[in-house]
């Protein structure tokens, strides 16, 4: 485990580096076999997928299939397979856990309370991710500071207290324009829902389009207040316990 002092030193080292330099640096530090990209198949992760494929095409890239994804997201998985001539690793939740949750709380439990919604996210997303990350020393994420109030202190490299490994955010400083400029300049596949007013895309039942100028996360779990708009993948245990 890296010390807090090492993490702070690495944050300083990476502060002026480009996303590609951050990716290469982290791979050199941890080893390509010990890191992976957790792709949500959003615009940012399409950018990271392309950067990683150009730097080290052998690195593991995986995504979570919650069982409630939009058809457009499944279409993008196939587009990625054709574009890069390789398949993403796809992780699924445990069948019995999903069955028990739905039989106890109903198929649309997430609309009933924040606690139920977080339970659904935990069963369908957090626990499958935790199983995967337990075999790794670091993971790449497409998080950006401007995406949400919960992410405005994001660093390019952090210690992930929730999953106990290094978390690398190469695009932390990028704006939305930077992301879409890269996608267009490199002719990358992307989720067609982005063209229908969906800046942030998750499960079909928990995502909707937004109006131009609205907060980019406002279409996620729109029935909840902004401070709750995380699924649990990127909530630091230490920060949560201190609130």
Protein backbone atom coordinates (compact mmCIF):
# COMPACT_ATOMS: atom_id res chain seq x y z
CA UNK A 1 0.00 0.00 0.00
CA UNK A 2 1.30 3.47 -0.89
CA UNK A 3 1.70 5.95 1.95
CA UNK A 4 -0.15 9.26 2.10
CA UNK A 5 3.19 11.00 1.56
CA UNK A 6 3.83 9.01 -1.62
CA UNK A 7 0.36 9.78 -2.95
CA UNK A 8 0.87 13.51 -2.33
CA UNK A 9 4.25 13.34 -4.05
CA UNK A 10 2.72 11.58 -7.05
CA UNK A 11 -0.11 14.15 -7.19
CA UNK A 12 2.51 16.87 -7.54
CA UNK A 13 4.40 14.92 -10.19
CA UNK A 14 1.25 14.35 -12.27
CA UNK A 15 -0.30 17.80 -11.84
CA UNK A 16 1.15 19.17 -15.09
CA UNK A 17 1.07 15.95 -17.13
CA UNK A 18 -1.31 15.20 -20.00
CA UNK A 19 -3.82 12.32 -19.71
CA UNK A 20 -1.64 10.15 -21.93
CA UNK A 21 1.38 10.87 -19.73
CA UNK A 22 -0.63 10.06 -16.61
CA UNK A 23 -1.71 6.73 -18.12
CA UNK A 24 1.84 5.78 -19.13
CA UNK A 25 3.24 6.86 -15.76
CA UNK A 26 0.69 4.83 -13.79
CA UNK A 27 1.26 1.74 -15.93
CA UNK A 28 5.01 2.03 -15.37
CA UNK A 29 4.46 2.43 -11.63
CA UNK A 30 2.05 -0.47 -11.15
CA UNK A 31 2.58 -2.78 -14.12
CA UNK A 32 0.12 -3.30 -16.95
CA UNK A 33 -1.08 -6.60 -15.51
CA UNK A 34 -2.03 -4.90 -12.23
CA UNK A 35 -4.25 -2.11 -13.55
CA UNK A 36 -7.45 -1.88 -15.60
CA UNK A 37 -9.89 0.65 -16.97
CA UNK A 38 -13.37 0.45 -15.50
CA UNK A 39 -15.40 1.81 -18.41
CA UNK A 40 -18.91 3.14 -17.91
CA UNK A 41 -19.05 3.52 -21.70
CA UNK A 42 -19.62 7.23 -21.24
CA UNK A 43 -17.85 9.83 -23.36
CA UNK A 44 -14.92 10.15 -20.96
CA UNK A 45 -14.31 6.42 -20.87
CA UNK A 46 -14.44 6.24 -24.66
CA UNK A 47 -11.59 8.76 -24.64
CA UNK A 48 -9.62 6.75 -22.08
CA UNK A 49 -10.24 3.51 -23.99
CA UNK A 50 -8.75 5.05 -27.11
CA UNK A 51 -5.75 6.50 -25.27
CA UNK A 52 -5.05 3.20 -23.54
CA UNK A 53 -5.39 1.18 -26.74
CA UNK A 54 -2.81 3.45 -28.38
CA UNK A 55 -0.41 3.18 -25.43
CA UNK A 56 -0.79 -0.48 -24.40
CA UNK A 57 -3.54 -2.45 -26.16
CA UNK A 58 -3.03 -5.44 -23.88
CA UNK A 59 -4.37 -3.68 -20.79
CA UNK A 60 -7.62 -4.99 -19.35
CA UNK A 61 -10.73 -2.88 -20.02
CA UNK A 62 -13.98 -3.95 -18.43
CA UNK A 63 -17.51 -2.71 -17.92
CA UNK A 64 -20.42 -3.52 -15.62
CA UNK A 65 -23.67 -4.87 -17.03
CA UNK A 66 -26.25 -4.11 -14.34
CA UNK A 67 -29.07 -5.79 -16.26
CA UNK A 68 -30.88 -2.45 -16.62
CA UNK A 69 -28.74 -0.70 -19.25
CA UNK A 70 -30.25 1.16 -22.24
CA UNK A 71 -30.16 -0.64 -25.57
CA UNK A 72 -27.94 2.18 -26.87
CA UNK A 73 -25.28 1.18 -24.36
CA UNK A 74 -25.33 -2.43 -25.53
CA UNK A 75 -25.04 -1.14 -29.09
CA UNK A 76 -21.94 0.81 -28.09
CA UNK A 77 -20.35 -2.30 -26.60
CA UNK A 78 -20.60 -3.92 -30.04
CA UNK A 79 -19.33 -0.78 -31.78
CA UNK A 80 -16.28 -0.81 -29.50
CA UNK A 81 -15.64 -4.47 -30.30
CA UNK A 82 -15.60 -3.73 -34.02
CA UNK A 83 -13.63 -0.48 -33.69
CA UNK A 84 -10.80 -2.00 -31.63
CA UNK A 85 -11.05 -5.62 -32.81
CA UNK A 86 -11.32 -6.86 -29.23
CA UNK A 87 -14.08 -7.42 -26.73
CA UNK A 88 -14.53 -5.69 -23.41
CA UNK A 89 -14.65 -7.87 -20.34
CA UNK A 90 -18.23 -7.67 -19.02
CA UNK A 91 -19.01 -8.15 -15.33
CA UNK A 92 -22.42 -9.07 -13.95
CA UNK A 93 -23.99 -8.91 -10.49
CA UNK A 94 -24.63 -12.10 -8.56
CA UNK A 95 -27.94 -13.56 -9.72
CA UNK A 96 -29.07 -14.61 -6.25
CA UNK A 97 -28.39 -11.17 -4.79
CA UNK A 98 -30.48 -9.49 -7.50
CA UNK A 99 -33.30 -11.99 -7.04
CA UNK A 100 -33.36 -11.53 -3.26
CA UNK A 101 -33.35 -7.73 -3.58
CA UNK A 102 -36.17 -7.60 -6.12
CA UNK A 103 -38.32 -10.17 -4.32
CA UNK A 104 -38.00 -8.18 -1.10
CA UNK A 105 -38.27 -4.59 -2.37
CA UNK A 106 -39.75 -4.77 -5.88
CA UNK A 107 -38.36 -4.17 -9.36
CA UNK A 108 -38.44 -0.36 -9.03
CA UNK A 109 -37.18 -0.12 -5.45
CA UNK A 110 -34.78 2.72 -6.32
CA UNK A 111 -37.62 5.25 -6.63
CA UNK A 112 -38.79 4.61 -3.06
CA UNK A 113 -35.82 5.98 -1.09
CA UNK A 114 -32.15 6.91 -1.32
CA UNK A 115 -31.38 3.84 0.81
CA UNK A 116 -33.15 1.52 -1.64
CA UNK A 117 -31.49 3.16 -4.61
CA UNK A 118 -28.06 2.80 -3.00
CA UNK A 119 -28.85 -0.86 -2.27
CA UNK A 120 -29.67 -1.45 -5.93
CA UNK A 121 -26.45 0.28 -7.00
CA UNK A 122 -24.46 -1.72 -4.49
CA UNK A 123 -25.83 -5.07 -5.65
CA UNK A 124 -25.69 -4.32 -9.36
CA UNK A 125 -22.52 -2.21 -9.56
CA UNK A 126 -20.41 -1.85 -6.43
CA UNK A 127 -20.14 -5.50 -5.46
CA UNK A 128 -19.22 -6.75 -8.96
CA UNK A 129 -16.63 -3.98 -9.18
CA UNK A 130 -15.25 -4.87 -5.77
CA UNK A 131 -14.74 -8.49 -6.84
CA UNK A 132 -12.80 -7.31 -9.88
CA UNK A 133 -10.69 -4.70 -8.11
CA UNK A 134 -9.66 -7.12 -5.38
CA UNK A 135 -7.26 -8.67 -7.91
CA UNK A 136 -5.71 -5.33 -8.98
CA UNK A 137 -3.37 -2.68 -7.61
CA UNK A 138 -4.91 0.25 -9.47
CA UNK A 139 -7.80 1.31 -11.69
CA UNK A 140 -8.36 4.05 -14.24
CA UNK A 141 -11.56 6.12 -14.13
CA UNK A 142 -13.03 8.76 -16.44
CA UNK A 143 -13.95 11.15 -13.63
CA UNK A 144 -13.64 14.91 -14.11
CA UNK A 145 -13.80 17.69 -11.51
CA UNK A 146 -16.50 19.65 -13.29
CA UNK A 147 -18.90 16.69 -13.51
CA UNK A 148 -20.41 17.15 -10.05
CA UNK A 149 -20.04 18.90 -6.72
CA UNK A 150 -19.00 15.54 -5.26
CA UNK A 151 -15.96 15.48 -7.58
CA UNK A 152 -14.55 19.00 -7.37
CA UNK A 153 -11.53 17.95 -5.28
CA UNK A 154 -10.57 15.13 -7.60
CA UNK A 155 -6.84 14.46 -8.10
CA UNK A 156 -5.18 12.70 -11.01
CA UNK A 157 -4.00 10.01 -8.63
CA UNK A 158 -5.59 9.09 -5.29
CA UNK A 159 -5.69 6.29 -2.78
CA UNK A 160 -9.11 4.66 -3.04
CA UNK A 161 -10.10 3.96 0.56
CA UNK A 162 -13.26 2.18 -0.50
CA UNK A 163 -11.53 -0.47 -2.60
CA UNK A 164 -7.99 -0.25 -1.14
CA UNK A 165 -6.00 0.42 -4.29
CA UNK A 166 -4.68 3.28 -6.41
CA UNK A 167 -7.27 5.26 -8.37
CA UNK A 168 -6.09 7.16 -11.44
CA UNK A 169 -8.18 9.94 -13.01
CA UNK A 170 -6.27 11.08 -16.12
CA UNK A 171 -9.06 13.44 -17.26
CA UNK A 172 -9.53 15.15 -13.88
CA UNK A 173 -8.71 18.61 -15.27
CA UNK A 174 -10.50 18.27 -18.61
CA UNK A 175 -13.66 20.13 -19.49
CA UNK A 176 -16.54 18.71 -21.50
CA UNK A 177 -15.27 20.44 -24.64
CA UNK A 178 -11.92 18.68 -24.31
CA UNK A 179 -13.68 15.32 -24.17
CA UNK A 180 -15.82 15.92 -27.25
CA UNK A 181 -12.99 17.51 -29.21
CA UNK A 182 -10.98 14.33 -28.70
CA UNK A 183 -13.91 12.09 -29.69
CA UNK A 184 -14.52 14.02 -32.91
CA UNK A 185 -10.86 14.43 -33.83
CA UNK A 186 -10.28 10.69 -33.43
CA UNK A 187 -13.64 9.59 -34.88
CA UNK A 188 -14.48 7.49 -31.84
CA UNK A 189 -17.72 5.55 -31.33
CA UNK A 190 -19.93 6.94 -28.57
CA UNK A 191 -23.32 6.33 -27.05
CA UNK A 192 -26.05 7.69 -29.36
CA UNK A 193 -27.99 8.89 -26.28
CA UNK A 194 -25.47 11.74 -26.02
CA UNK A 195 -27.06 13.16 -29.16
CA UNK A 196 -30.47 13.05 -27.47
CA UNK A 197 -29.65 15.21 -24.47
CA UNK A 198 -28.04 12.60 -22.20
CA UNK A 199 -24.69 14.01 -20.98
CA UNK A 200 -24.38 11.29 -18.30
CA UNK A 201 -25.69 7.76 -18.87
CA UNK A 202 -26.31 4.97 -16.39
CA UNK A 203 -29.14 2.48 -16.07
CA UNK A 204 -32.16 3.19 -18.28
CA UNK A 205 -34.48 3.46 -15.30
CA UNK A 206 -32.28 6.00 -13.53
CA UNK A 207 -31.20 8.22 -16.44
CA UNK A 208 -33.03 10.78 -18.56
CA UNK A 209 -32.18 13.57 -20.96
CA UNK A 210 -31.65 17.13 -19.74
CA UNK A 211 -32.14 20.57 -21.24
CA UNK A 212 -29.18 22.52 -22.70
CA UNK A 213 -27.33 24.31 -19.92
CA UNK A 214 -28.56 22.01 -17.15
CA UNK A 215 -26.06 20.40 -14.80
CA UNK A 216 -24.55 17.40 -16.58
CA UNK A 217 -25.49 15.05 -13.73
CA UNK A 218 -29.07 16.35 -13.38
CA UNK A 219 -30.45 13.52 -15.49
CA UNK A 220 -29.09 10.88 -13.11
CA UNK A 221 -31.42 9.93 -10.23
CA UNK A 222 -33.31 13.17 -10.93
CA UNK A 223 -35.73 12.57 -8.05
CA UNK A 224 -32.89 12.94 -5.50
CA UNK A 225 -31.02 16.00 -4.26
CA UNK A 226 -27.60 16.74 -5.80
CA UNK A 227 -25.51 15.64 -2.81
CA UNK A 228 -26.79 12.07 -3.22
CA UNK A 229 -25.98 11.70 -6.91
CA UNK A 230 -23.35 8.97 -6.66
CA UNK A 231 -23.88 5.23 -7.00
CA UNK A 232 -21.27 4.27 -4.41
CA UNK A 233 -18.42 3.47 -6.79
CA UNK A 234 -16.70 6.79 -6.10
CA UNK A 235 -17.61 7.50 -2.49
CA UNK A 236 -14.61 7.51 -0.15
CA UNK A 237 -15.33 5.55 3.03
CA UNK A 238 -13.33 8.02 5.12
CA UNK A 239 -15.20 11.04 3.71
CA UNK A 240 -18.56 9.33 4.21
CA UNK A 241 -17.84 8.44 7.81
CA UNK A 242 -16.79 12.01 8.62
CA UNK A 243 -20.04 13.60 7.39
